[in-house]
Amino acid sequence: MFYRRRLPHLYRDDQPIFLTWRLYASLPPNRYFPAAGVTSGKAFAVLDRLLDESRTGPFYLRQPAIADMVVEVIHHNADVLERYTLHAFVVMPNHIHYLLTRFEGIELAQLMQSFKSLTSHKANKLLRRKGQFWMPDYFDRYIRNAEHFAKTVRYIENNPVKARLCEQPQDWPFSSAWFRYHKTKISDA
C-alpha cells in the first residue's frame, strides 16, 4: 500500500478492483469538494454526482469517435494484451468507471499510465488539440466479496441511466451492459 495525495492505493493481483478517472478540468475549480476528513467512499460519491450533473465541459467522451476509441483500448488491453479480466465498464461524457481483475505481474499504476497515455494521444489527435486530457490521479477500490462485486457492476452499468443519458443500461453503447445485451464479447460476458 502507498499513498498518493489523500487516497490509499492497495494492490493485489487476484482481487477485482473498481476504478474511476475523469477528464482534465471536468469540474470547475470553484466547485465544492468534500473536506479532508470525509471517507474516500463519501468523497467518491460526491465527485461522481458532480461529474454526472456537470453542465460545463469538457465532454470529449460524448463524441462517439472518442468513446469508441476508448472502448477499443479497454477491450484491447483485456483481450489482446491480456493485462486483465474485464468485468464491467462505462465511458461517460466526462469520466470512466471500470471493474477489472489484473493478471499477475501487471502493476496498476503502470496499467493506468499506459491506458491514459495511449488514449490521450489518440483523443487529442482526433480532436486536433494538444494538452492534458485526463486528470493525473484515479479512484480505486478493491472488491471485498460477491455482493460488493454485483453491486459495483450494477453501479457502473446503471451510471448512464442515473445521469439521464438513456433509459436502460443496455441502451448506452459505451458500456459493458450494451456489449452483454448485444452478445458482443467482453472478457467475462
Protein backbone atom coordinates (compact mmCIF):
# COMPACT_ATOMS: atom_id res chain seq x y z
CA MET A 1 0.00 0.00 0.00
CA PHE A 2 1.15 3.53 -0.69
CA TYR A 3 -0.49 6.94 -0.51
CA ARG A 4 -0.78 9.40 -3.34
CA ARG A 5 -2.41 12.62 -2.21
CA ARG A 6 -5.10 11.63 0.34
CA LEU A 7 -6.05 8.31 -1.22
CA PRO A 8 -4.52 4.98 -0.22
CA HIS A 9 -3.72 2.68 -3.11
CA LEU A 10 -3.77 -1.03 -2.30
CA TYR A 11 -2.60 -3.64 -4.77
CA ARG A 12 -3.43 -7.35 -5.12
CA ASP A 13 -3.32 -9.14 -8.46
CA ASP A 14 -6.09 -11.64 -7.73
CA GLN A 15 -8.80 -9.32 -6.47
CA PRO A 16 -11.23 -7.30 -8.64
CA ILE A 17 -10.74 -3.56 -8.49
CA PHE A 18 -13.17 -0.72 -9.26
CA LEU A 19 -11.52 2.25 -10.97
CA THR A 20 -12.78 5.71 -11.86
CA TRP A 21 -10.99 8.58 -13.54
CA ARG A 22 -12.08 11.76 -15.26
CA LEU A 23 -11.18 14.25 -17.93
CA TYR A 24 -8.86 17.09 -17.08
CA ALA A 25 -10.81 20.19 -15.95
CA SER A 26 -14.07 18.24 -15.94
CA LEU A 27 -15.09 20.03 -12.74
CA PRO A 28 -14.79 23.78 -12.33
CA PRO A 29 -12.10 24.66 -9.76
CA ASN A 30 -14.62 26.54 -7.58
CA ARG A 31 -16.96 23.53 -7.14
CA TYR A 32 -17.49 22.19 -3.64
CA PHE A 33 -15.48 19.10 -2.86
CA PRO A 34 -15.56 17.20 0.46
CA ALA A 35 -13.24 18.26 3.24
CA ALA A 36 -10.19 16.18 4.08
CA GLY A 37 -11.99 14.47 6.99
CA VAL A 38 -14.60 12.57 4.95
CA THR A 39 -14.17 8.93 3.95
CA SER A 40 -12.92 8.10 0.49
CA GLY A 41 -16.30 6.48 -0.24
CA LYS A 42 -18.19 9.68 0.55
CA ALA A 43 -15.68 11.76 -1.40
CA PHE A 44 -16.14 9.42 -4.37
CA ALA A 45 -19.95 9.67 -4.17
CA VAL A 46 -19.79 13.48 -4.20
CA LEU A 47 -17.31 13.50 -7.08
CA ASP A 48 -19.37 11.07 -9.16
CA ARG A 49 -22.56 13.05 -8.58
CA LEU A 50 -20.80 16.28 -9.58
CA LEU A 51 -19.49 14.64 -12.76
CA ASP A 52 -22.93 13.26 -13.67
CA GLU A 53 -24.61 16.62 -13.05
CA SER A 54 -21.92 18.79 -14.64
CA ARG A 55 -23.11 21.09 -17.38
CA THR A 56 -19.68 22.54 -18.12
CA GLY A 57 -17.10 20.70 -20.17
CA PRO A 58 -15.07 19.24 -21.37
CA PHE A 59 -17.24 16.34 -22.56
CA TYR A 60 -14.86 14.84 -25.12
CA LEU A 61 -16.05 11.32 -24.31
CA ARG A 62 -19.53 12.28 -25.52
CA GLN A 63 -18.19 12.21 -29.07
CA PRO A 64 -18.76 8.70 -30.50
CA ALA A 65 -15.35 8.56 -32.18
CA ILE A 66 -13.56 9.31 -28.90
CA ALA A 67 -15.77 6.99 -26.80
CA ASP A 68 -15.40 4.17 -29.36
CA MET A 69 -11.61 4.57 -29.33
CA VAL A 70 -11.56 4.35 -25.51
CA VAL A 71 -13.77 1.24 -25.58
CA GLU A 72 -11.44 -0.33 -28.16
CA VAL A 73 -8.42 0.29 -25.90
CA ILE A 74 -10.30 -1.20 -22.93
CA HIS A 75 -11.01 -4.36 -24.94
CA HIS A 76 -7.53 -4.47 -26.49
CA ASN A 77 -5.90 -4.39 -23.03
CA ALA A 78 -8.15 -7.26 -21.89
CA ASP A 79 -8.37 -9.46 -24.98
CA VAL A 80 -5.16 -8.90 -26.95
CA LEU A 81 -2.57 -7.71 -24.43
CA GLU A 82 -4.13 -9.89 -21.71
CA ARG A 83 -3.47 -7.41 -18.91
CA TYR A 84 -6.70 -8.10 -17.01
CA THR A 85 -10.08 -9.76 -16.97
CA LEU A 86 -12.69 -7.16 -17.81
CA HIS A 87 -15.87 -7.42 -15.73
CA ALA A 88 -17.70 -4.14 -16.39
CA PHE A 89 -17.10 -0.63 -17.72
CA VAL A 90 -18.84 2.52 -18.81
CA VAL A 91 -17.50 5.50 -20.73
CA MET A 92 -19.45 8.56 -19.62
CA PRO A 93 -19.18 12.00 -21.27
CA ASN A 94 -16.51 13.18 -18.80
CA HIS A 95 -15.36 10.11 -16.84
CA ILE A 96 -14.90 6.33 -16.89
CA HIS A 97 -15.83 3.53 -14.49
CA TYR A 98 -14.05 0.23 -14.87
CA LEU A 99 -14.14 -3.11 -12.98
CA LEU A 100 -11.29 -5.49 -13.69
CA THR A 101 -9.03 -8.13 -12.20
CA ARG A 102 -5.37 -7.62 -13.09
CA PHE A 103 -3.23 -10.53 -14.16
CA GLU A 104 -0.19 -11.39 -12.09
CA GLY A 105 2.71 -9.01 -12.63
CA ILE A 106 0.59 -6.22 -14.12
CA GLU A 107 1.09 -3.16 -11.93
CA LEU A 108 -1.98 -0.95 -11.60
CA ALA A 109 -0.02 2.31 -11.80
CA GLN A 110 1.70 1.15 -15.00
CA LEU A 111 -1.61 -0.06 -16.47
CA MET A 112 -3.26 3.30 -15.75
CA GLN A 113 -0.32 5.30 -17.10
CA SER A 114 -0.24 3.24 -20.29
CA PHE A 115 -4.01 3.48 -20.79
CA LYS A 116 -4.16 7.22 -20.13
CA SER A 117 -1.12 7.96 -22.30
CA LEU A 118 -2.38 5.98 -25.29
CA THR A 119 -5.96 7.25 -25.13
CA SER A 120 -4.96 10.86 -24.52
CA HIS A 121 -2.64 10.86 -27.55
CA LYS A 122 -5.29 9.27 -29.76
CA ALA A 123 -8.07 11.53 -28.46
CA ASN A 124 -6.01 14.70 -28.86
CA LYS A 125 -5.20 13.67 -32.43
CA LEU A 126 -8.89 13.05 -33.21
CA LEU A 127 -9.82 16.35 -31.55
CA ARG A 128 -6.96 18.24 -33.24
CA ARG A 129 -5.86 19.61 -29.89
CA LYS A 130 -2.88 19.48 -27.55
CA GLY A 131 -2.69 19.44 -23.81
CA GLN A 132 -3.67 17.36 -20.85
CA PHE A 133 -6.62 15.05 -21.48
CA TRP A 134 -7.05 13.10 -18.20
CA MET A 135 -6.72 14.18 -14.59
CA PRO A 136 -3.50 12.72 -13.20
CA ASP A 137 -4.99 10.56 -10.45
CA TYR A 138 -7.76 7.98 -10.26
CA PHE A 139 -10.03 6.45 -7.65
CA ASP A 140 -9.56 2.76 -6.88
CA ARG A 141 -11.43 0.41 -4.57
CA TYR A 142 -10.90 -3.30 -4.17
CA ILE A 143 -13.96 -5.51 -4.23
CA ARG A 144 -14.50 -7.30 -0.93
CA ASN A 145 -16.93 -10.11 -1.80
CA ALA A 146 -19.50 -11.37 -4.31
CA GLU A 147 -22.20 -9.00 -3.08
CA HIS A 148 -19.88 -5.99 -3.41
CA PHE A 149 -18.90 -7.22 -6.90
CA ALA A 150 -22.54 -7.46 -8.07
CA LYS A 151 -23.38 -4.07 -6.55
CA THR A 152 -20.39 -2.48 -8.31
CA VAL A 153 -21.35 -3.95 -11.70
CA ARG A 154 -24.88 -2.56 -11.26
CA TYR A 155 -23.47 0.82 -10.21
CA ILE A 156 -21.17 1.02 -13.24
CA GLU A 157 -23.72 -0.13 -15.80
CA ASN A 158 -26.54 1.99 -14.35
CA ASN A 159 -24.48 5.21 -14.37
CA PRO A 160 -25.80 6.40 -17.78
CA VAL A 161 -29.37 5.85 -16.56
CA LYS A 162 -28.69 7.75 -13.32
CA ALA A 163 -27.16 10.58 -15.36
CA ARG A 164 -30.25 10.58 -17.64
CA LEU A 165 -28.32 9.69 -20.77
CA CYS A 166 -30.54 6.68 -21.54
CA GLU A 167 -33.48 4.76 -20.12
CA GLN A 168 -31.89 1.33 -19.62
CA PRO A 169 -28.24 0.35 -19.07
CA GLN A 170 -28.10 -1.69 -22.29
CA ASP A 171 -29.09 1.43 -24.29
CA TRP A 172 -25.73 3.14 -23.63
CA PRO A 173 -23.38 1.99 -26.44
CA PHE A 174 -20.18 2.68 -24.48
CA SER A 175 -20.72 0.16 -21.70
CA SER A 176 -20.41 -3.48 -20.81
CA ALA A 177 -24.21 -3.61 -20.43
CA TRP A 178 -24.58 -2.75 -24.13
CA PHE A 179 -21.99 -5.37 -25.10
CA ARG A 180 -23.64 -8.04 -22.93
CA TYR A 181 -27.13 -7.24 -24.24
CA HIS A 182 -25.96 -7.39 -27.85
CA LYS A 183 -23.96 -10.54 -27.11
CA THR A 184 -20.74 -8.89 -28.20
CA LYS A 185 -17.72 -10.22 -26.35
CA ILE A 186 -16.31 -8.66 -23.23
CA SER A 187 -13.79 -10.73 -21.33
CA ASP A 188 -16.20 -12.47 -18.97
CA ALA A 189 -19.62 -11.87 -20.57
